[in-house]
Full PDB file with SEQRES, HELIX, SHEET, SSBOND, CRYST1, ORIGX, SCALE, CONECT and MASTER records, all heavy atoms in Angstrom:
SEQRES   1 A   41  PHE PHE ALA LEU SER LEU ASN GLY ALA LEU LEU GLY PRO          
SEQRES   2 A   41  VAL THR ALA GLY LEU SER SER MET VAL ALA ASP ILE ILE          
SEQRES   3 A   41  GLY TYR LEU LEU LYS PRO THR GLY PRO TYR PHE PRO GLY          
SEQRES   4 A   41  PHE THR                                                      
HELIX    1 AA1 PHE A    2  LEU A   11  1                                  10    
HELIX    2 AA2 PRO A   13  LEU A   30  1                                  18    
CRYST1    1.000    1.000    1.000  90.00  90.00  90.00 P 1           1          
ORIGX1      1.000000  0.000000  0.000000        0.00000                         
ORIGX2      0.000000  1.000000  0.000000        0.00000                         
ORIGX3      0.000000  0.000000  1.000000        0.00000                         
SCALE1      1.000000  0.000000  0.000000        0.00000                         
SCALE2      0.000000  1.000000  0.000000        0.00000                         
SCALE3      0.000000  0.000000  1.000000        0.00000                         
ATOM      1  N   PHE A   1       0.828  -1.206   0.000  1.00  0.00           N  
ATOM      2  CA  PHE A   1       0.000   0.000   0.000  1.00  0.00           C  
ATOM      3  C   PHE A   1       0.866   1.262   0.000  1.00  0.00           C  
ATOM      4  O   PHE A   1       0.482   2.283  -0.563  1.00  0.00           O  
ATOM      5  CB  PHE A   1      -0.957   0.011   1.203  1.00  0.00           C  
ATOM      6  CG  PHE A   1      -0.276   0.233   2.526  1.00  0.00           C  
ATOM      7  CD1 PHE A   1      -0.176   1.508   3.061  1.00  0.00           C  
ATOM      8  CD2 PHE A   1       0.265  -0.835   3.228  1.00  0.00           C  
ATOM      9  CE1 PHE A   1       0.450   1.710   4.282  1.00  0.00           C  
ATOM     10  CE2 PHE A   1       0.886  -0.640   4.447  1.00  0.00           C  
ATOM     11  CZ  PHE A   1       0.988   0.631   4.973  1.00  0.00           C  
ATOM     12  N   PHE A   2       2.028   1.159   0.635  1.00  0.00           N  
ATOM     13  CA  PHE A   2       2.911   2.329   0.678  1.00  0.00           C  
ATOM     14  C   PHE A   2       3.413   2.666  -0.728  1.00  0.00           C  
ATOM     15  O   PHE A   2       3.335   3.813  -1.173  1.00  0.00           O  
ATOM     16  CB  PHE A   2       4.083   2.098   1.626  1.00  0.00           C  
ATOM     17  CG  PHE A   2       5.089   3.200   1.572  1.00  0.00           C  
ATOM     18  CD1 PHE A   2       4.800   4.433   2.125  1.00  0.00           C  
ATOM     19  CD2 PHE A   2       6.291   3.029   0.918  1.00  0.00           C  
ATOM     20  CE1 PHE A   2       5.702   5.476   2.039  1.00  0.00           C  
ATOM     21  CE2 PHE A   2       7.198   4.062   0.834  1.00  0.00           C  
ATOM     22  CZ  PHE A   2       6.906   5.290   1.394  1.00  0.00           C  
ATOM     23  N   ALA A   3       3.934   1.661  -1.439  1.00  0.00           N  
ATOM     24  CA  ALA A   3       4.420   1.886  -2.808  1.00  0.00           C  
ATOM     25  C   ALA A   3       3.283   2.323  -3.713  1.00  0.00           C  
ATOM     26  O   ALA A   3       3.449   3.209  -4.554  1.00  0.00           O  
ATOM     27  CB  ALA A   3       5.086   0.622  -3.345  1.00  0.00           C  
ATOM     28  N   LEU A   4       2.120   1.721  -3.539  1.00  0.00           N  
ATOM     29  CA  LEU A   4       0.977   2.052  -4.386  1.00  0.00           C  
ATOM     30  C   LEU A   4       0.472   3.465  -4.127  1.00  0.00           C  
ATOM     31  O   LEU A   4       0.158   4.205  -5.064  1.00  0.00           O  
ATOM     32  CB  LEU A   4      -0.135   1.030  -4.159  1.00  0.00           C  
ATOM     33  CG  LEU A   4      -1.350   1.138  -5.057  1.00  0.00           C  
ATOM     34  CD1 LEU A   4      -0.972   1.167  -6.527  1.00  0.00           C  
ATOM     35  CD2 LEU A   4      -2.294  -0.016  -4.772  1.00  0.00           C  
ATOM     36  N   SER A   5       0.408   3.861  -2.870  1.00  0.00           N  
ATOM     37  CA  SER A   5      -0.047   5.228  -2.558  1.00  0.00           C  
ATOM     38  C   SER A   5       0.964   6.257  -3.055  1.00  0.00           C  
ATOM     39  O   SER A   5       0.591   7.314  -3.567  1.00  0.00           O  
ATOM     40  CB  SER A   5      -0.297   5.392  -1.063  1.00  0.00           C  
ATOM     41  OG  SER A   5       0.896   5.214  -0.327  1.00  0.00           O  
ATOM     42  N   LEU A   6       2.241   5.934  -2.933  1.00  0.00           N  
ATOM     43  CA  LEU A   6       3.283   6.822  -3.451  1.00  0.00           C  
ATOM     44  C   LEU A   6       3.163   6.941  -4.964  1.00  0.00           C  
ATOM     45  O   LEU A   6       3.283   8.033  -5.525  1.00  0.00           O  
ATOM     46  CB  LEU A   6       4.658   6.295  -3.046  1.00  0.00           C  
ATOM     47  CG  LEU A   6       5.866   7.181  -3.327  1.00  0.00           C  
ATOM     48  CD1 LEU A   6       5.736   8.532  -2.635  1.00  0.00           C  
ATOM     49  CD2 LEU A   6       7.141   6.475  -2.862  1.00  0.00           C  
ATOM     50  N   ASN A   7       2.901   5.835  -5.627  1.00  0.00           N  
ATOM     51  CA  ASN A   7       2.701   5.826  -7.067  1.00  0.00           C  
ATOM     52  C   ASN A   7       1.523   6.730  -7.440  1.00  0.00           C  
ATOM     53  O   ASN A   7       1.622   7.562  -8.339  1.00  0.00           O  
ATOM     54  CB  ASN A   7       2.449   4.388  -7.541  1.00  0.00           C  
ATOM     55  CG  ASN A   7       2.616   4.196  -9.027  1.00  0.00           C  
ATOM     56  OD1 ASN A   7       2.320   5.076  -9.814  1.00  0.00           O  
ATOM     57  ND2 ASN A   7       3.073   3.026  -9.399  1.00  0.00           N  
ATOM     58  N   GLY A   8       0.418   6.586  -6.733  1.00  0.00           N  
ATOM     59  CA  GLY A   8      -0.752   7.418  -6.997  1.00  0.00           C  
ATOM     60  C   GLY A   8      -0.487   8.890  -6.759  1.00  0.00           C  
ATOM     61  O   GLY A   8      -0.886   9.743  -7.555  1.00  0.00           O  
ATOM     62  N   ALA A   9       0.213   9.209  -5.674  1.00  0.00           N  
ATOM     63  CA  ALA A   9       0.507  10.602  -5.331  1.00  0.00           C  
ATOM     64  C   ALA A   9       1.479  11.236  -6.331  1.00  0.00           C  
ATOM     65  O   ALA A   9       1.358  12.409  -6.665  1.00  0.00           O  
ATOM     66  CB  ALA A   9       1.068  10.692  -3.920  1.00  0.00           C  
ATOM     67  N   LEU A  10       2.440  10.454  -6.804  1.00  0.00           N  
ATOM     68  CA  LEU A  10       3.457  10.986  -7.717  1.00  0.00           C  
ATOM     69  C   LEU A  10       3.045  10.982  -9.184  1.00  0.00           C  
ATOM     70  O   LEU A  10       3.336  11.923  -9.922  1.00  0.00           O  
ATOM     71  CB  LEU A  10       4.759  10.181  -7.583  1.00  0.00           C  
ATOM     72  CG  LEU A  10       5.578  10.374  -6.325  1.00  0.00           C  
ATOM     73  CD1 LEU A  10       6.691   9.338  -6.265  1.00  0.00           C  
ATOM     74  CD2 LEU A  10       6.155  11.778  -6.277  1.00  0.00           C  
ATOM     75  N   LEU A  11       2.386   9.900  -9.609  1.00  0.00           N  
ATOM     76  CA  LEU A  11       2.192   9.681 -11.044  1.00  0.00           C  
ATOM     77  C   LEU A  11       0.742   9.739 -11.503  1.00  0.00           C  
ATOM     78  O   LEU A  11       0.468   9.700 -12.697  1.00  0.00           O  
ATOM     79  CB  LEU A  11       2.813   8.338 -11.448  1.00  0.00           C  
ATOM     80  CG  LEU A  11       4.306   8.196 -11.133  1.00  0.00           C  
ATOM     81  CD1 LEU A  11       4.794   6.796 -11.468  1.00  0.00           C  
ATOM     82  CD2 LEU A  11       5.118   9.244 -11.867  1.00  0.00           C  
ATOM     83  N   GLY A  12      -0.187   9.818 -10.581  1.00  0.00           N  
ATOM     84  CA  GLY A  12      -1.583   9.958 -10.959  1.00  0.00           C  
ATOM     85  C   GLY A  12      -2.331   8.646 -11.061  1.00  0.00           C  
ATOM     86  O   GLY A  12      -1.755   7.563 -10.981  1.00  0.00           O  
ATOM     87  N   PRO A  13      -3.652   8.765 -11.267  1.00  0.00           N  
ATOM     88  CA  PRO A  13      -4.520   7.589 -11.210  1.00  0.00           C  
ATOM     89  C   PRO A  13      -4.260   6.546 -12.303  1.00  0.00           C  
ATOM     90  O   PRO A  13      -4.229   5.343 -12.016  1.00  0.00           O  
ATOM     91  CB  PRO A  13      -5.927   8.154 -11.329  1.00  0.00           C  
ATOM     92  CG  PRO A  13      -5.818   9.606 -11.515  1.00  0.00           C  
ATOM     93  CD  PRO A  13      -4.393  10.002 -11.409  1.00  0.00           C  
ATOM     94  N   VAL A  14      -4.089   6.958 -13.523  1.00  0.00           N  
ATOM     95  CA  VAL A  14      -3.946   5.996 -14.622  1.00  0.00           C  
ATOM     96  C   VAL A  14      -2.650   5.201 -14.480  1.00  0.00           C  
ATOM     97  O   VAL A  14      -2.648   3.961 -14.534  1.00  0.00           O  
ATOM     98  CB  VAL A  14      -4.024   6.696 -16.000  1.00  0.00           C  
ATOM     99  CG1 VAL A  14      -3.720   5.724 -17.124  1.00  0.00           C  
ATOM    100  CG2 VAL A  14      -5.396   7.333 -16.188  1.00  0.00           C  
ATOM    101  N   THR A  15      -1.548   5.906 -14.258  1.00  0.00           N  
ATOM    102  CA  THR A  15      -0.256   5.230 -14.113  1.00  0.00           C  
ATOM    103  C   THR A  15      -0.252   4.332 -12.877  1.00  0.00           C  
ATOM    104  O   THR A  15       0.230   3.202 -12.926  1.00  0.00           O  
ATOM    105  CB  THR A  15       0.894   6.249 -14.043  1.00  0.00           C  
ATOM    106  OG1 THR A  15       0.853   7.050 -15.229  1.00  0.00           O  
ATOM    107  CG2 THR A  15       2.238   5.562 -13.939  1.00  0.00           C  
ATOM    108  N   ALA A  16      -0.809   4.814 -11.780  1.00  0.00           N  
ATOM    109  CA  ALA A  16      -0.856   4.001 -10.557  1.00  0.00           C  
ATOM    110  C   ALA A  16      -1.724   2.767 -10.761  1.00  0.00           C  
ATOM    111  O   ALA A  16      -1.384   1.678 -10.306  1.00  0.00           O  
ATOM    112  CB  ALA A  16      -1.359   4.830  -9.385  1.00  0.00           C  
ATOM    113  N   GLY A  17      -2.843   2.920 -11.440  1.00  0.00           N  
ATOM    114  CA  GLY A  17      -3.721   1.781 -11.701  1.00  0.00           C  
ATOM    115  C   GLY A  17      -3.043   0.733 -12.570  1.00  0.00           C  
ATOM    116  O   GLY A  17      -3.051  -0.460 -12.248  1.00  0.00           O  
ATOM    117  N   LEU A  18      -2.441   1.175 -13.663  1.00  0.00           N  
ATOM    118  CA  LEU A  18      -1.745   0.240 -14.553  1.00  0.00           C  
ATOM    119  C   LEU A  18      -0.545  -0.393 -13.861  1.00  0.00           C  
ATOM    120  O   LEU A  18      -0.301  -1.594 -13.996  1.00  0.00           O  
ATOM    121  CB  LEU A  18      -1.318   0.948 -15.839  1.00  0.00           C  
ATOM    122  CG  LEU A  18      -2.459   1.380 -16.761  1.00  0.00           C  
ATOM    123  CD1 LEU A  18      -1.927   2.233 -17.912  1.00  0.00           C  
ATOM    124  CD2 LEU A  18      -3.239   0.183 -17.285  1.00  0.00           C  
ATOM    125  N   SER A  19       0.201   0.413 -13.114  1.00  0.00           N  
ATOM    126  CA  SER A  19       1.373  -0.104 -12.392  1.00  0.00           C  
ATOM    127  C   SER A  19       0.971  -1.176 -11.397  1.00  0.00           C  
ATOM    128  O   SER A  19       1.656  -2.197 -11.248  1.00  0.00           O  
ATOM    129  CB  SER A  19       2.083   1.026 -11.641  1.00  0.00           C  
ATOM    130  OG  SER A  19       2.617   1.964 -12.527  1.00  0.00           O  
ATOM    131  N   SER A  20      -0.130  -0.956 -10.714  1.00  0.00           N  
ATOM    132  CA  SER A  20      -0.574  -1.921  -9.728  1.00  0.00           C  
ATOM    133  C   SER A  20      -0.986  -3.239 -10.379  1.00  0.00           C  
ATOM    134  O   SER A  20      -0.743  -4.318  -9.834  1.00  0.00           O  
ATOM    135  CB  SER A  20      -1.733  -1.344  -8.910  1.00  0.00           C  
ATOM    136  OG  SER A  20      -2.042  -2.207  -7.857  1.00  0.00           O  
ATOM    137  N   MET A  21      -1.588  -3.155 -11.549  1.00  0.00           N  
ATOM    138  CA  MET A  21      -1.960  -4.375 -12.269  1.00  0.00           C  
ATOM    139  C   MET A  21      -0.711  -5.140 -12.710  1.00  0.00           C  
ATOM    140  O   MET A  21      -0.640  -6.367 -12.569  1.00  0.00           O  
ATOM    141  CB  MET A  21      -2.852  -4.031 -13.456  1.00  0.00           C  
ATOM    142  CG  MET A  21      -4.208  -3.484 -13.039  1.00  0.00           C  
ATOM    143  SD  MET A  21      -5.211  -2.914 -14.409  1.00  0.00           S  
ATOM    144  CE  MET A  21      -5.850  -4.488 -14.973  1.00  0.00           C  
ATOM    145  N   VAL A  22       0.272  -4.406 -13.212  1.00  0.00           N  
ATOM    146  CA  VAL A  22       1.534  -5.037 -13.618  1.00  0.00           C  
ATOM    147  C   VAL A  22       2.214  -5.665 -12.405  1.00  0.00           C  
ATOM    148  O   VAL A  22       2.703  -6.801 -12.471  1.00  0.00           O  
ATOM    149  CB  VAL A  22       2.461  -4.007 -14.309  1.00  0.00           C  
ATOM    150  CG1 VAL A  22       3.865  -4.555 -14.505  1.00  0.00           C  
ATOM    151  CG2 VAL A  22       1.863  -3.572 -15.650  1.00  0.00           C  
ATOM    152  N   ALA A  23       2.238  -4.949 -11.285  1.00  0.00           N  
ATOM    153  CA  ALA A  23       2.863  -5.477 -10.058  1.00  0.00           C  
ATOM    154  C   ALA A  23       2.154  -6.743  -9.595  1.00  0.00           C  
ATOM    155  O   ALA A  23       2.804  -7.698  -9.150  1.00  0.00           O  
ATOM    156  CB  ALA A  23       2.853  -4.419  -8.957  1.00  0.00           C  
ATOM    157  N   ASP A  24       0.839  -6.768  -9.699  1.00  0.00           N  
ATOM    158  CA  ASP A  24       0.087  -7.945  -9.277  1.00  0.00           C  
ATOM    159  C   ASP A  24       0.459  -9.156 -10.139  1.00  0.00           C  
ATOM    160  O   ASP A  24       0.691 -10.253  -9.613  1.00  0.00           O  
ATOM    161  CB  ASP A  24      -1.417  -7.679  -9.379  1.00  0.00           C  
ATOM    162  CG  ASP A  24      -2.238  -8.849  -8.881  1.00  0.00           C  
ATOM    163  OD1 ASP A  24      -2.259  -9.055  -7.645  1.00  0.00           O  
ATOM    164  OD2 ASP A  24      -2.835  -9.560  -9.709  1.00  0.00           O  
ATOM    165  N   ILE A  25       0.546  -8.962 -11.422  1.00  0.00           N  
ATOM    166  CA  ILE A  25       0.883 -10.071 -12.335  1.00  0.00           C  
ATOM    167  C   ILE A  25       2.321 -10.534 -12.115  1.00  0.00           C  
ATOM    168  O   ILE A  25       2.587 -11.732 -11.990  1.00  0.00           O  
ATOM    169  CB  ILE A  25       0.637  -9.657 -13.800  1.00  0.00           C  
ATOM    170  CG1 ILE A  25      -0.869  -9.458 -14.029  1.00  0.00           C  
ATOM    171  CG2 ILE A  25       1.214 -10.694 -14.761  1.00  0.00           C  
ATOM    172  CD1 ILE A  25      -1.223  -8.759 -15.322  1.00  0.00           C  
ATOM    173  N   ILE A  26       3.253  -9.597 -12.037  1.00  0.00           N  
ATOM    174  CA  ILE A  26       4.660  -9.964 -11.803  1.00  0.00           C  
ATOM    175  C   ILE A  26       4.809 -10.666 -10.456  1.00  0.00           C  
ATOM    176  O   ILE A  26       5.490 -11.688 -10.341  1.00  0.00           O  
ATOM    177  CB  ILE A  26       5.583  -8.725 -11.871  1.00  0.00           C  
ATOM    178  CG1 ILE A  26       5.650  -8.196 -13.305  1.00  0.00           C  
ATOM    179  CG2 ILE A  26       6.985  -9.053 -11.350  1.00  0.00           C  
ATOM    180  CD1 ILE A  26       6.351  -6.860 -13.446  1.00  0.00           C  
ATOM    181  N   GLY A  27       4.153 -10.135  -9.440  1.00  0.00           N  
ATOM    182  CA  GLY A  27       4.213 -10.743  -8.115  1.00  0.00           C  
ATOM    183  C   GLY A  27       3.694 -12.164  -8.121  1.00  0.00           C  
ATOM    184  O   GLY A  27       4.282 -13.058  -7.511  1.00  0.00           O  
ATOM    185  N   TYR A  28       2.597 -12.381  -8.828  1.00  0.00           N  
ATOM    186  CA  TYR A  28       2.060 -13.739  -8.897  1.00  0.00           C  
ATOM    187  C   TYR A  28       3.035 -14.665  -9.628  1.00  0.00           C  
ATOM    188  O   TYR A  28       3.233 -15.808  -9.211  1.00  0.00           O  
ATOM    189  CB  TYR A  28       0.696 -13.772  -9.599  1.00  0.00           C  
ATOM    190  CG  TYR A  28       0.174 -15.180  -9.670  1.00  0.00           C  
ATOM    191  CD1 TYR A  28      -0.423 -15.763  -8.557  1.00  0.00           C  
ATOM    192  CD2 TYR A  28       0.332 -15.952 -10.815  1.00  0.00           C  
ATOM    193  CE1 TYR A  28      -0.852 -17.078  -8.581  1.00  0.00           C  
ATOM    194  CE2 TYR A  28      -0.089 -17.264 -10.851  1.00  0.00           C  
ATOM    195  CZ  TYR A  28      -0.684 -17.822  -9.746  1.00  0.00           C  
ATOM    196  OH  TYR A  28      -1.097 -19.126  -9.763  1.00  0.00           O  
ATOM    197  N   LEU A  29       3.631 -14.183 -10.711  1.00  0.00           N  
ATOM    198  CA  LEU A  29       4.569 -15.022 -11.467  1.00  0.00           C  
ATOM    199  C   LEU A  29       5.798 -15.375 -10.626  1.00  0.00           C  
ATOM    200  O   LEU A  29       6.327 -16.481 -10.734  1.00  0.00           O  
ATOM    201  CB  LEU A  29       4.994 -14.321 -12.760  1.00  0.00           C  
ATOM    202  CG  LEU A  29       3.883 -14.156 -13.808  1.00  0.00           C  
ATOM    203  CD1 LEU A  29       4.372 -13.287 -14.959  1.00  0.00           C  
ATOM    204  CD2 LEU A  29       3.382 -15.506 -14.303  1.00  0.00           C  
ATOM    205  N   LEU A  30       6.250 -14.444  -9.792  1.00  0.00           N  
ATOM    206  CA  LEU A  30       7.432 -14.694  -8.964  1.00  0.00           C  
ATOM    207  C   LEU A  30       7.131 -15.578  -7.754  1.00  0.00           C  
ATOM    208  O   LEU A  30       7.951 -16.411  -7.365  1.00  0.00           O  
ATOM    209  CB  LEU A  30       8.036 -13.370  -8.482  1.00  0.00           C  
ATOM    210  CG  LEU A  30       8.677 -12.507  -9.554  1.00  0.00           C  
ATOM    211  CD1 LEU A  30       9.104 -11.175  -8.969  1.00  0.00           C  
ATOM    212  CD2 LEU A  30       9.864 -13.227 -10.176  1.00  0.00           C  
ATOM    213  N   LYS A  31       5.971 -15.372  -7.145  1.00  0.00           N  
ATOM    214  CA  LYS A  31       5.624 -16.142  -5.946  1.00  0.00           C  
ATOM    215  C   LYS A  31       4.111 -16.353  -5.899  1.00  0.00           C  
ATOM    216  O   LYS A  31       3.382 -15.618  -5.233  1.00  0.00           O  
ATOM    217  CB  LYS A  31       6.098 -15.408  -4.694  1.00  0.00           C  
ATOM    218  CG  LYS A  31       5.922 -16.223  -3.430  1.00  0.00           C  
ATOM    219  CD  LYS A  31       6.400 -15.472  -2.208  1.00  0.00           C  
ATOM    220  CE  LYS A  31       6.122 -16.299  -0.959  1.00  0.00           C  
ATOM    221  NZ  LYS A  31       6.281 -15.513   0.236  1.00  0.00           N  
ATOM    222  N   PRO A  32       3.651 -17.372  -6.605  1.00  0.00           N  
ATOM    223  CA  PRO A  32       2.206 -17.612  -6.627  1.00  0.00           C  
ATOM    224  C   PRO A  32       1.685 -18.061  -5.262  1.00  0.00           C  
ATOM    225  O   PRO A  32       2.336 -18.821  -4.563  1.00  0.00           O  
ATOM    226  CB  PRO A  32       2.029 -18.736  -7.654  1.00  0.00           C  
ATOM    227  CG  PRO A  32       3.379 -19.178  -8.054  1.00  0.00           C  
ATOM    228  CD  PRO A  32       4.391 -18.295  -7.425  1.00  0.00           C  
ATOM    229  N   THR A  33       0.542 -17.533  -4.896  1.00  0.00           N  
ATOM    230  CA  THR A  33      -0.151 -17.988  -3.689  1.00  0.00           C  
ATOM    231  C   THR A  33      -1.581 -18.298  -4.117  1.00  0.00           C  
ATOM    232  O   THR A  33      -2.357 -17.393  -4.364  1.00  0.00           O  
ATOM    233  CB  THR A  33      -0.145 -16.913  -2.587  1.00  0.00           C  
ATOM    234  OG1 THR A  33      -0.664 -15.707  -3.123  1.00  0.00           O  
ATOM    235  CG2 THR A  33       1.242 -16.673  -2.044  1.00  0.00           C  
ATOM    236  N   GLY A  34      -1.894 -19.562  -4.220  1.00  0.00           N  
ATOM    237  CA  GLY A  34      -3.210 -19.961  -4.696  1.00  0.00           C  
ATOM    238  C   GLY A  34      -3.289 -19.821  -6.207  1.00  0.00           C  
ATOM    239  O   GLY A  34      -2.304 -19.514  -6.869  1.00  0.00           O  
ATOM    240  N   PRO A  35      -4.477 -20.033  -6.739  1.00  0.00           N  
ATOM    241  CA  PRO A  35      -4.645 -19.950  -8.187  1.00  0.00           C  
ATOM    242  C   PRO A  35      -4.598 -18.495  -8.656  1.00  0.00           C  
ATOM    243  O   PRO A  35      -4.986 -17.590  -7.916  1.00  0.00           O  
ATOM    244  CB  PRO A  35      -6.029 -20.558  -8.422  1.00  0.00           C  
ATOM    245  CG  PRO A  35      -6.754 -20.344  -7.132  1.00  0.00           C  
ATOM    246  CD  PRO A  35      -5.710 -20.409  -6.055  1.00  0.00           C  
ATOM    247  N   TYR A  36      -4.123 -18.291  -9.902  1.00  0.00           N  
ATOM    248  CA  TYR A  36      -4.183 -16.931 -10.450  1.00  0.00           C  
ATOM    249  C   TYR A  36      -5.628 -16.647 -10.804  1.00  0.00           C  
ATOM    250  O   TYR A  36      -6.322 -17.468 -11.398  1.00  0.00           O  
ATOM    251  CB  TYR A  36      -3.308 -16.767 -11.699  1.00  0.00           C  
ATOM    252  CG  TYR A  36      -3.486 -15.385 -12.294  1.00  0.00           C  
ATOM    253  CD1 TYR A  36      -2.904 -14.286 -11.678  1.00  0.00           C  
ATOM    254  CD2 TYR A  36      -4.293 -15.178 -13.401  1.00  0.00           C  
ATOM    255  CE1 TYR A  36      -3.110 -13.002 -12.169  1.00  0.00           C  
ATOM    256  CE2 TYR A  36      -4.502 -13.909 -13.903  1.00  0.00           C  
ATOM    257  CZ  TYR A  36      -3.907 -12.820 -13.284  1.00  0.00           C  
ATOM    258  OH  TYR A  36      -4.114 -11.563 -13.762  1.00  0.00           O  
ATOM    259  N   PHE A  37      -6.077 -15.461 -10.435  1.00  0.00           N  
ATOM    260  CA  PHE A  37      -7.432 -15.045 -10.771  1.00  0.00           C  
ATOM    261  C   PHE A  37      -7.372 -13.584 -11.205  1.00  0.00           C  
ATOM    262  O   PHE A  37      -6.944 -12.726 -10.424  1.00  0.00           O  
ATOM    263  CB  PHE A  37      -8.348 -15.215  -9.550  1.00  0.00           C  
ATOM    264  CG  PHE A  37      -9.788 -14.952  -9.842  1.00  0.00           C  
ATOM    265  CD1 PHE A  37     -10.542 -15.856 -10.583  1.00  0.00           C  
ATOM    266  CD2 PHE A  37     -10.399 -13.803  -9.386  1.00  0.00           C  
ATOM    267  CE1 PHE A  37     -11.880 -15.615 -10.862  1.00  0.00           C  
ATOM    268  CE2 PHE A  37     -11.731 -13.548  -9.646  1.00  0.00           C  
ATOM    269  CZ  PHE A  37     -12.486 -14.462 -10.386  1.00  0.00           C  
ATOM    270  N   PRO A  38      -7.768 -13.288 -12.442  1.00  0.00           N  
ATOM    271  CA  PRO A  38      -7.646 -11.914 -12.947  1.00  0.00           C  
ATOM    272  C   PRO A  38      -8.460 -10.888 -12.170  1.00  0.00           C  
ATOM    273  O   PRO A  38      -8.175  -9.689 -12.230  1.00  0.00           O  
ATOM    274  CB  PRO A  38      -8.098 -12.009 -14.399  1.00  0.00           C  
ATOM    275  CG  PRO A  38      -8.778 -13.315 -14.538  1.00  0.00           C  
ATOM    276  CD  PRO A  38      -8.306 -14.203 -13.435  1.00  0.00           C  
ATOM    277  N   GLY A  39      -9.456 -11.332 -11.432  1.00  0.00           N  
ATOM    278  CA  GLY A  39     -10.245 -10.394 -10.634  1.00  0.00           C  
ATOM    279  C   GLY A  39      -9.396  -9.630  -9.635  1.00  0.00           C  
ATOM    280  O   GLY A  39      -9.584  -8.425  -9.425  1.00  0.00           O  
ATOM    281  N   PHE A  40      -8.423 -10.323  -9.036  1.00  0.00           N  
ATOM    282  CA  PHE A  40      -7.551  -9.641  -8.073  1.00  0.00           C  
ATOM    283  C   PHE A  40      -6.676  -8.601  -8.761  1.00  0.00           C  
ATOM    284  O   PHE A  40      -6.349  -7.572  -8.179  1.00  0.00           O  
ATOM    285  CB  PHE A  40      -6.694 -10.657  -7.309  1.00  0.00           C  
ATOM    286  CG  PHE A  40      -7.494 -11.560  -6.422  1.00  0.00           C  
ATOM    287  CD1 PHE A  40      -7.483 -12.928  -6.622  1.00  0.00           C  
ATOM    288  CD2 PHE A  40      -8.284 -11.051  -5.403  1.00  0.00           C  
ATOM    289  CE1 PHE A  40      -8.221 -13.775  -5.814  1.00  0.00           C  
ATOM    290  CE2 PHE A  40      -9.032 -11.883  -4.583  1.00  0.00           C  
ATOM    291  CZ  PHE A  40      -9.010 -13.250  -4.796  1.00  0.00           C  
ATOM    292  N   THR A  41      -6.314  -8.860 -10.000  1.00  0.00           N  
ATOM    293  CA  THR A  41      -5.545  -7.882 -10.774  1.00  0.00           C  
ATOM    294  C   THR A  41      -6.402  -6.651 -11.046  1.00  0.00           C  
ATOM    295  O   THR A  41      -5.917  -5.513 -10.969  1.00  0.00           O  
ATOM    296  CB  THR A  41      -5.052  -8.513 -12.093  1.00  0.00           C  
ATOM    297  OG1 THR A  41      -4.279  -9.678 -11.782  1.00  0.00           O  
ATOM    298  CG2 THR A  41      -4.204  -7.542 -12.891  1.00  0.00           C  
TER     299      THR A  41                                                      
MASTER        0    0    0    2    0    0    0    6  298    1    0    4          
END                                                                             
C-alpha cells in the first residue's frame, strides 16, 4: 500500500492503476499464492 499510494501521489490515477496491475501479475509469477485469478488484478 505504501508503494501504491506513493505511485498514486506521484504519477496519478492511470499510471498508478496500470502499475498496480503489472505489479500484481509480476508478483504472482514470482511467488504464486493460490490460483491466479484476474479479478484480483
